[in-house]
């Protein structure tokens, strides 16, 4: 996965700055990277971070090995005594 940061510094052809991720839709964005799954973000402004987080969570879930359940006797029972005299 590729995250392209600093998209808040992009501008329209007339020099007007972009005002949000929705504003990027009107730009002709070409990337030197062959990254069809790229996520556009601006860490400084918080743009696209929820999308990045969601994609990361999905990607990690897809590639994470299934965790085995701990054995019942893996954690020995301990007796805890109260210090309040009850």
Protein backbone atom coordinates (compact mmCIF):
# COMPACT_ATOMS: atom_id res chain seq x y z
CA UNK A 1 0.00 0.00 0.00
CA UNK A 2 1.20 3.48 -0.82
CA UNK A 3 0.21 6.63 1.07
CA UNK A 4 0.82 9.88 -0.79
CA UNK A 5 1.14 12.65 1.79
CA UNK A 6 1.07 16.43 1.46
CA UNK A 7 -1.85 16.54 -0.98
CA UNK A 8 -2.88 19.76 0.76
CA UNK A 9 -0.01 21.43 -1.12
CA UNK A 10 -1.51 20.64 -4.53
CA UNK A 11 -3.16 23.40 -6.53
CA UNK A 12 -5.48 23.75 -9.48
CA UNK A 13 -4.14 24.95 -12.84
CA UNK A 14 -5.23 28.48 -11.95
CA UNK A 15 -3.12 28.33 -8.77
CA UNK A 16 -6.05 28.01 -6.37
CA UNK A 17 -5.17 25.62 -3.52
CA UNK A 18 -7.16 22.47 -2.97
CA UNK A 19 -9.53 22.71 -0.03
CA UNK A 20 -10.09 19.04 0.72
CA UNK A 21 -9.98 15.53 -0.68
CA UNK A 22 -13.20 16.10 -2.61
CA UNK A 23 -11.49 18.99 -4.35
CA UNK A 24 -8.81 16.62 -5.66
CA UNK A 25 -11.32 14.86 -7.89
CA UNK A 26 -11.14 17.75 -10.36
CA UNK A 27 -7.36 17.55 -10.68
CA UNK A 28 -5.54 15.54 -13.31
CA UNK A 29 -3.35 13.57 -10.93
CA UNK A 30 -0.59 11.49 -12.41
CA UNK A 31 1.86 9.74 -10.18
CA UNK A 32 5.37 8.61 -11.04
CA UNK A 33 4.55 5.54 -8.99
CA UNK A 34 2.61 2.61 -10.34
CA UNK A 35 0.39 2.51 -7.27
CA UNK A 36 -3.25 1.79 -8.11
CA UNK A 37 -4.01 1.33 -4.39
CA UNK A 38 -2.48 4.65 -3.32
CA UNK A 39 -4.21 6.57 -0.57
CA UNK A 40 -4.12 10.36 -0.79
CA UNK A 41 -3.57 11.98 2.59
CA UNK A 42 -2.60 15.19 4.29
CA UNK A 43 -1.29 14.37 7.73
CA UNK A 44 -1.10 18.07 8.60
CA UNK A 45 -4.79 18.64 7.88
CA UNK A 46 -6.06 15.16 8.74
CA UNK A 47 -7.37 14.50 5.23
CA UNK A 48 -7.67 10.85 4.27
CA UNK A 49 -6.41 9.47 7.57
CA UNK A 50 -9.62 7.56 8.29
CA UNK A 51 -9.41 5.96 4.85
CA UNK A 52 -5.76 5.08 5.39
CA UNK A 53 -6.53 3.58 8.80
CA UNK A 54 -9.40 1.50 7.36
CA UNK A 55 -7.28 0.19 4.51
CA UNK A 56 -4.43 -0.67 6.88
CA UNK A 57 -6.79 -2.53 9.20
CA UNK A 58 -8.25 -4.51 6.27
CA UNK A 59 -4.81 -5.31 4.87
CA UNK A 60 -3.50 -6.44 8.26
CA UNK A 61 -6.59 -8.57 8.86
CA UNK A 62 -6.15 -10.23 5.46
CA UNK A 63 -2.52 -11.13 6.13
CA UNK A 64 -2.55 -11.81 9.86
CA UNK A 65 -2.21 -15.43 10.92
CA UNK A 66 -5.02 -16.76 13.02
CA UNK A 67 -4.04 -16.62 16.68
CA UNK A 68 -4.55 -19.91 18.48
CA UNK A 69 -6.70 -19.80 21.57
CA UNK A 70 -4.64 -20.16 24.75
CA UNK A 71 -4.81 -23.54 26.42
CA UNK A 72 -6.99 -23.68 29.51
CA UNK A 73 -4.05 -24.52 31.69
CA UNK A 74 -1.76 -21.94 30.13
CA UNK A 75 -2.51 -19.46 32.92
CA UNK A 76 -2.24 -21.10 36.33
CA UNK A 77 -4.87 -20.02 38.79
CA UNK A 78 -3.49 -18.01 41.68
CA UNK A 79 -5.08 -17.26 44.99
CA UNK A 80 -5.24 -13.57 45.73
CA UNK A 81 -5.48 -12.61 49.37
CA UNK A 82 -7.15 -9.44 50.47
CA UNK A 83 -5.24 -6.91 52.55
CA UNK A 84 -8.39 -5.34 54.01
CA UNK A 85 -8.94 -8.12 56.54
CA UNK A 86 -12.13 -9.58 55.10
